[in-house]
């Protein structure tokens, strides 16, 4: 059975995982409060619209890295090219714990990602 809330997800992680995942959650909630935050596929996810096919950013923890997931494969491919220390997974970029430079680069790229999904009817992004 999956987790039901973001706090439940965070509580299931070890200390190092919590530190990185919480930093990303706090960043997203502070910088993009207009995005809908929920648990989907057992991980924290921010929806650009009302449905996943309208764009999303998500975060998940693994043993040796954490992953930032994006709904746009083309965007992800471009991002991965600019982050030689990170590996690309399926619709995600994997960041090793402690690689703050790559983490900040991904955070900075999120506004560019959201511009892809910004439409006239959703110009608050």
N, C-alpha and C. Protein backbone atom coordinates (compact mmCIF):
# COMPACT_ATOMS: atom_id res chain seq x y z
N UNK A 1 0.84 -1.18 0.00
CA UNK A 1 0.00 0.00 0.00
C UNK A 1 0.88 1.24 0.00
N UNK A 2 0.51 2.25 -0.79
CA UNK A 2 1.29 3.48 -0.90
C UNK A 2 0.98 4.44 0.23
N UNK A 3 1.73 5.54 0.24
CA UNK A 3 1.54 6.57 1.26
C UNK A 3 0.35 7.45 0.87
N UNK A 4 -0.29 8.03 1.88
CA UNK A 4 -1.48 8.82 1.64
C UNK A 4 -1.22 10.33 1.65
N UNK A 5 -0.11 10.76 2.25
CA UNK A 5 0.16 12.20 2.35
C UNK A 5 1.64 12.46 2.18
N UNK A 6 1.97 13.72 1.91
CA UNK A 6 3.37 14.12 1.77
C UNK A 6 4.11 13.87 3.08
N UNK A 7 3.50 14.22 4.20
CA UNK A 7 4.16 14.02 5.50
C UNK A 7 4.40 12.53 5.77
N UNK A 8 3.48 11.69 5.36
CA UNK A 8 3.64 10.24 5.51
C UNK A 8 4.81 9.75 4.63
N UNK A 9 4.92 10.29 3.42
CA UNK A 9 6.01 9.93 2.52
C UNK A 9 7.35 10.30 3.16
N UNK A 10 7.45 11.55 3.64
CA UNK A 10 8.69 12.02 4.26
C UNK A 10 9.05 11.18 5.48
N UNK A 11 8.07 10.84 6.29
CA UNK A 11 8.30 10.05 7.49
C UNK A 11 8.85 8.66 7.17
N UNK A 12 8.59 8.16 5.97
CA UNK A 12 9.05 6.82 5.58
C UNK A 12 10.51 6.80 5.14
N UNK A 13 11.15 7.96 5.05
CA UNK A 13 12.51 8.07 4.54
C UNK A 13 13.54 8.11 5.65
N UNK A 14 14.79 7.78 5.31
CA UNK A 14 15.87 7.92 6.29
C UNK A 14 16.28 9.40 6.37
N UNK A 15 17.18 9.73 7.29
CA UNK A 15 17.53 11.12 7.56
C UNK A 15 18.08 11.85 6.33
N UNK A 16 19.01 11.21 5.62
CA UNK A 16 19.59 11.85 4.44
C UNK A 16 18.54 12.07 3.36
N UNK A 17 17.72 11.06 3.12
CA UNK A 17 16.65 11.20 2.13
C UNK A 17 15.70 12.32 2.53
N UNK A 18 15.33 12.36 3.81
CA UNK A 18 14.42 13.40 4.28
C UNK A 18 15.00 14.79 4.04
N UNK A 19 16.28 14.95 4.30
CA UNK A 19 16.91 16.28 4.15
C UNK A 19 16.76 16.79 2.71
N UNK A 20 17.05 15.94 1.75
CA UNK A 20 16.98 16.35 0.34
C UNK A 20 15.54 16.48 -0.17
N UNK A 21 14.72 15.53 0.18
CA UNK A 21 13.32 15.56 -0.27
C UNK A 21 12.60 16.76 0.36
N UNK A 22 12.82 16.99 1.64
CA UNK A 22 12.18 18.14 2.31
C UNK A 22 12.65 19.46 1.70
N UNK A 23 13.92 19.55 1.35
CA UNK A 23 14.44 20.78 0.73
C UNK A 23 13.71 21.04 -0.58
N UNK A 24 13.48 19.99 -1.37
CA UNK A 24 12.79 20.18 -2.64
C UNK A 24 11.31 20.51 -2.42
N UNK A 25 10.67 19.84 -1.49
CA UNK A 25 9.26 20.11 -1.19
C UNK A 25 9.10 21.56 -0.73
N UNK A 26 9.97 22.01 0.16
CA UNK A 26 9.89 23.39 0.65
C UNK A 26 10.12 24.37 -0.48
N UNK A 27 11.08 24.09 -1.36
CA UNK A 27 11.33 24.94 -2.52
C UNK A 27 10.09 25.05 -3.40
N UNK A 28 9.52 23.91 -3.75
CA UNK A 28 8.35 23.92 -4.64
C UNK A 28 7.17 24.65 -4.00
N UNK A 29 6.91 24.39 -2.73
CA UNK A 29 5.77 25.02 -2.07
C UNK A 29 5.97 26.53 -1.91
N UNK A 30 7.21 26.96 -1.72
CA UNK A 30 7.49 28.39 -1.57
C UNK A 30 7.48 29.12 -2.92
N UNK A 31 8.11 28.51 -3.93
CA UNK A 31 8.24 29.17 -5.22
C UNK A 31 7.02 29.02 -6.13
N UNK A 32 6.29 27.94 -5.97
CA UNK A 32 5.16 27.65 -6.87
C UNK A 32 3.92 27.25 -6.08
N UNK A 33 3.45 28.12 -5.19
CA UNK A 33 2.28 27.77 -4.36
C UNK A 33 1.01 27.58 -5.17
N UNK A 34 0.99 28.07 -6.41
CA UNK A 34 -0.19 27.93 -7.25
C UNK A 34 -0.34 26.52 -7.81
N UNK A 35 0.70 25.70 -7.72
CA UNK A 35 0.62 24.33 -8.23
C UNK A 35 -0.06 23.43 -7.20
N UNK A 36 -0.85 22.50 -7.69
CA UNK A 36 -1.55 21.55 -6.83
C UNK A 36 -0.57 20.46 -6.39
N UNK A 37 -0.39 20.31 -5.08
CA UNK A 37 0.51 19.30 -4.53
C UNK A 37 -0.31 18.12 -4.03
N UNK A 38 0.12 16.92 -4.40
CA UNK A 38 -0.57 15.71 -3.94
C UNK A 38 0.36 14.52 -4.03
N UNK A 39 -0.07 13.42 -3.45
CA UNK A 39 0.67 12.16 -3.61
C UNK A 39 0.10 11.45 -4.83
N UNK A 40 0.98 11.09 -5.73
CA UNK A 40 0.58 10.33 -6.90
C UNK A 40 1.71 9.34 -7.19
N UNK A 41 1.37 8.11 -7.50
CA UNK A 41 2.36 7.05 -7.69
C UNK A 41 3.29 6.96 -6.47
N UNK A 42 2.73 7.17 -5.29
CA UNK A 42 3.43 7.07 -4.01
C UNK A 42 4.58 8.06 -3.86
N UNK A 43 4.47 9.23 -4.48
CA UNK A 43 5.50 10.27 -4.32
C UNK A 43 4.85 11.65 -4.38
N UNK A 44 5.49 12.65 -3.78
CA UNK A 44 4.97 14.02 -3.86
C UNK A 44 5.03 14.53 -5.30
N UNK A 45 3.91 15.10 -5.75
CA UNK A 45 3.80 15.57 -7.13
C UNK A 45 3.09 16.92 -7.15
N UNK A 46 3.55 17.78 -8.03
CA UNK A 46 2.91 19.09 -8.24
C UNK A 46 2.34 19.10 -9.64
N UNK A 47 1.05 19.28 -9.73
CA UNK A 47 0.38 19.30 -11.02
C UNK A 47 0.31 20.73 -11.54
N UNK A 48 0.63 20.90 -12.81
CA UNK A 48 0.53 22.21 -13.44
C UNK A 48 -0.94 22.56 -13.68
N UNK A 49 -1.71 21.56 -14.13
CA UNK A 49 -3.14 21.74 -14.35
C UNK A 49 -3.91 20.84 -13.41
N UNK A 50 -5.03 20.37 -13.87
CA UNK A 50 -5.86 19.50 -13.04
C UNK A 50 -5.52 18.02 -13.23
N UNK A 51 -4.83 17.70 -14.33
CA UNK A 51 -4.51 16.31 -14.65
C UNK A 51 -3.03 16.17 -14.95
N UNK A 52 -2.50 14.96 -14.79
CA UNK A 52 -1.08 14.72 -15.04
C UNK A 52 -0.66 15.06 -16.46
N UNK A 53 -1.55 14.84 -17.44
CA UNK A 53 -1.17 15.11 -18.83
C UNK A 53 -1.09 16.62 -19.12
N UNK A 54 -1.42 17.44 -18.14
CA UNK A 54 -1.29 18.89 -18.27
C UNK A 54 0.04 19.37 -17.68
N UNK A 55 0.89 18.44 -17.28
CA UNK A 55 2.23 18.75 -16.77
C UNK A 55 2.36 18.49 -15.29
N UNK A 56 3.52 17.99 -14.90
CA UNK A 56 3.79 17.75 -13.49
C UNK A 56 5.28 17.75 -13.21
N UNK A 57 5.60 17.98 -11.94
CA UNK A 57 6.94 17.82 -11.38
C UNK A 57 6.74 16.96 -10.14
N UNK A 58 7.62 15.99 -9.93
CA UNK A 58 7.50 15.12 -8.77
C UNK A 58 8.89 14.85 -8.21
N UNK A 59 8.92 14.30 -7.00
CA UNK A 59 10.20 13.97 -6.37
C UNK A 59 10.08 12.62 -5.69
N UNK A 60 11.16 11.84 -5.74
CA UNK A 60 11.17 10.55 -5.06
C UNK A 60 12.59 10.26 -4.57
N UNK A 61 12.68 9.42 -3.55
CA UNK A 61 13.97 9.07 -2.96
C UNK A 61 14.33 7.63 -3.29
N UNK A 62 15.62 7.40 -3.49
CA UNK A 62 16.14 6.05 -3.69
C UNK A 62 17.34 5.89 -2.75
N UNK A 63 17.97 4.74 -2.79
CA UNK A 63 19.05 4.45 -1.85
C UNK A 63 20.23 5.43 -1.98
N UNK A 64 20.71 5.64 -3.20
CA UNK A 64 21.90 6.45 -3.41
C UNK A 64 21.65 7.79 -4.10
N UNK A 65 20.40 8.07 -4.43
CA UNK A 65 20.07 9.31 -5.11
C UNK A 65 18.60 9.64 -4.88
N UNK A 66 18.23 10.84 -5.29
CA UNK A 66 16.82 11.20 -5.34
C UNK A 66 16.53 11.63 -6.76
N UNK A 67 15.28 11.57 -7.14
CA UNK A 67 14.90 11.84 -8.52
C UNK A 67 13.88 12.96 -8.58
N UNK A 68 14.07 13.84 -9.55
CA UNK A 68 13.09 14.86 -9.87
C UNK A 68 12.46 14.42 -11.19
N UNK A 69 11.15 14.25 -11.17
CA UNK A 69 10.42 13.73 -12.32
C UNK A 69 9.74 14.88 -13.06
N UNK A 70 9.76 14.81 -14.38
CA UNK A 70 9.11 15.81 -15.23
C UNK A 70 8.22 15.10 -16.24
N UNK A 71 7.12 15.73 -16.58
CA UNK A 71 6.19 15.13 -17.54
C UNK A 71 6.65 15.31 -18.98
N UNK A 72 7.61 16.16 -19.23
CA UNK A 72 8.04 16.45 -20.60
C UNK A 72 9.39 15.81 -20.89
N UNK A 73 9.39 14.80 -21.73
CA UNK A 73 10.61 14.04 -22.04
C UNK A 73 11.65 14.89 -22.77
N UNK A 74 11.21 15.75 -23.67
CA UNK A 74 12.14 16.61 -24.41
C UNK A 74 12.86 17.57 -23.46
N UNK A 75 12.10 18.16 -22.54
CA UNK A 75 12.70 19.04 -21.54
C UNK A 75 13.71 18.27 -20.71
N UNK A 76 13.35 17.08 -20.28
CA UNK A 76 14.22 16.25 -19.45
C UNK A 76 15.51 15.90 -20.19
N UNK A 77 15.41 15.55 -21.46
CA UNK A 77 16.61 15.23 -22.25
C UNK A 77 17.56 16.42 -22.30
N UNK A 78 17.02 17.61 -22.52
CA UNK A 78 17.84 18.82 -22.56
C UNK A 78 18.48 19.08 -21.20
N UNK A 79 17.71 18.92 -20.13
CA UNK A 79 18.23 19.11 -18.78
C UNK A 79 19.36 18.12 -18.49
N UNK A 80 19.16 16.86 -18.85
CA UNK A 80 20.17 15.83 -18.59
C UNK A 80 21.49 16.14 -19.29
N UNK A 81 21.42 16.73 -20.49
CA UNK A 81 22.64 17.11 -21.21
C UNK A 81 23.45 18.15 -20.45
N UNK A 82 22.76 19.00 -19.70
CA UNK A 82 23.45 20.07 -18.97
C UNK A 82 23.93 19.62 -17.58
N UNK A 83 23.64 18.38 -17.21
CA UNK A 83 24.01 17.86 -15.89
C UNK A 83 24.82 16.57 -16.02
N UNK A 84 26.10 16.69 -16.36
CA UNK A 84 26.90 15.48 -16.60
C UNK A 84 27.07 14.59 -15.38
N UNK A 85 26.90 15.11 -14.16
CA UNK A 85 27.04 14.30 -12.96
C UNK A 85 25.79 13.50 -12.63
N UNK A 86 24.71 13.74 -13.37
CA UNK A 86 23.44 13.07 -13.09
C UNK A 86 23.09 12.07 -14.17
N UNK A 87 22.41 11.03 -13.76
CA UNK A 87 21.91 10.06 -14.72
C UNK A 87 20.44 10.34 -14.97
N UNK A 88 19.99 9.98 -16.16
CA UNK A 88 18.60 10.17 -16.51
C UNK A 88 17.87 8.85 -16.36
N UNK A 89 16.73 8.90 -15.73
CA UNK A 89 15.87 7.74 -15.63
C UNK A 89 14.65 7.95 -16.52
N UNK A 90 13.66 7.13 -16.34
CA UNK A 90 12.44 7.28 -17.13
C UNK A 90 11.67 8.50 -16.61
N UNK A 91 11.68 9.55 -17.41
CA UNK A 91 11.02 10.83 -17.06
C UNK A 91 11.54 11.43 -15.77
N UNK A 92 12.82 11.20 -15.45
CA UNK A 92 13.39 11.79 -14.23
C UNK A 92 14.88 12.00 -14.40
N UNK A 93 15.39 12.90 -13.57
CA UNK A 93 16.82 13.12 -13.46
C UNK A 93 17.23 12.66 -12.07
N UNK A 94 18.24 11.82 -12.00
CA UNK A 94 18.69 11.25 -10.72
C UNK A 94 19.87 12.06 -10.20
N UNK A 95 19.73 12.57 -8.99
CA UNK A 95 20.76 13.41 -8.37
C UNK A 95 21.32 12.68 -7.15
N UNK A 96 22.63 12.48 -7.13
CA UNK A 96 23.26 11.81 -5.98
C UNK A 96 23.11 12.70 -4.75
N UNK A 97 22.89 12.06 -3.62
CA UNK A 97 22.83 12.80 -2.36
C UNK A 97 24.14 13.57 -2.18
N UNK A 98 24.04 14.84 -1.85
CA UNK A 98 25.21 15.68 -1.66
C UNK A 98 25.63 16.48 -2.88
N UNK A 99 25.06 16.21 -4.05
CA UNK A 99 25.39 16.95 -5.27
C UNK A 99 24.53 18.21 -5.32
N UNK A 100 24.90 19.18 -4.49
CA UNK A 100 24.10 20.41 -4.37
C UNK A 100 24.10 21.22 -5.66
N UNK A 101 25.20 21.22 -6.39
CA UNK A 101 25.29 22.00 -7.63
C UNK A 101 24.22 21.52 -8.63
N UNK A 102 24.11 20.22 -8.81
CA UNK A 102 23.09 19.69 -9.73
C UNK A 102 21.68 19.95 -9.20
N UNK A 103 21.52 19.81 -7.88
CA UNK A 103 20.22 20.05 -7.27
C UNK A 103 19.75 21.48 -7.54
N UNK A 104 20.63 22.45 -7.33
CA UNK A 104 20.25 23.85 -7.57
C UNK A 104 19.99 24.11 -9.05
N UNK A 105 20.75 23.47 -9.92
CA UNK A 105 20.53 23.63 -11.36
C UNK A 105 19.14 23.12 -11.75
N UNK A 106 18.73 22.00 -11.17
CA UNK A 106 17.40 21.46 -11.46
C UNK A 106 16.34 22.41 -10.92
N UNK A 107 16.52 22.91 -9.70
CA UNK A 107 15.55 23.86 -9.14
C UNK A 107 15.41 25.08 -10.04
N UNK A 108 16.54 25.60 -10.53
CA UNK A 108 16.50 26.77 -11.40
C UNK A 108 15.81 26.47 -12.73
N UNK A 109 15.86 25.25 -13.18
CA UNK A 109 15.26 24.89 -14.47
C UNK A 109 13.74 24.74 -14.40
N UNK A 110 13.19 24.63 -13.22
CA UNK A 110 11.75 24.38 -13.09
C UNK A 110 10.92 25.51 -13.68
N UNK A 111 11.36 26.75 -13.52
CA UNK A 111 10.59 27.85 -14.12
C UNK A 111 10.56 27.71 -15.64
N UNK A 112 11.66 27.26 -16.25
CA UNK A 112 11.67 27.03 -17.70
C UNK A 112 10.71 25.91 -18.08
N UNK A 113 10.71 24.86 -17.26
CA UNK A 113 9.79 23.75 -17.50
C UNK A 113 8.34 24.24 -17.47
N UNK A 114 8.01 25.05 -16.47
CA UNK A 114 6.62 25.51 -16.32
C UNK A 114 6.19 26.42 -17.45
N UNK A 115 7.13 27.12 -18.08
CA UNK A 115 6.81 27.98 -19.22
C UNK A 115 6.27 27.16 -20.38
N UNK A 116 6.69 25.92 -20.49
CA UNK A 116 6.21 25.03 -21.55
C UNK A 116 4.70 24.84 -21.43
N UNK A 117 4.22 24.80 -20.19
CA UNK A 117 2.80 24.52 -19.94
C UNK A 117 1.97 25.77 -19.67
N UNK A 118 2.64 26.92 -19.73
CA UNK A 118 1.93 28.17 -19.46
C UNK A 118 1.10 28.55 -20.70
N UNK A 119 -0.18 28.72 -20.47
CA UNK A 119 -1.08 29.11 -21.56
C UNK A 119 -1.78 30.40 -21.17
N UNK A 120 -2.51 30.99 -22.07
CA UNK A 120 -3.22 32.22 -21.77
C UNK A 120 -4.19 32.04 -20.61
N UNK A 121 -4.81 30.91 -20.54
CA UNK A 121 -5.78 30.66 -19.47
C UNK A 121 -5.13 30.31 -18.15
N UNK A 122 -3.82 30.11 -18.15
CA UNK A 122 -3.12 29.71 -16.93
C UNK A 122 -1.85 30.55 -16.80
N UNK A 123 -1.99 31.86 -16.90
CA UNK A 123 -0.83 32.75 -16.94
C UNK A 123 -0.24 33.05 -15.57
N UNK A 124 -0.78 32.48 -14.49
CA UNK A 124 -0.23 32.72 -13.16
C UNK A 124 1.09 32.01 -12.95
N UNK A 125 1.48 31.14 -13.87
CA UNK A 125 2.76 30.44 -13.75
C UNK A 125 3.84 31.38 -14.24
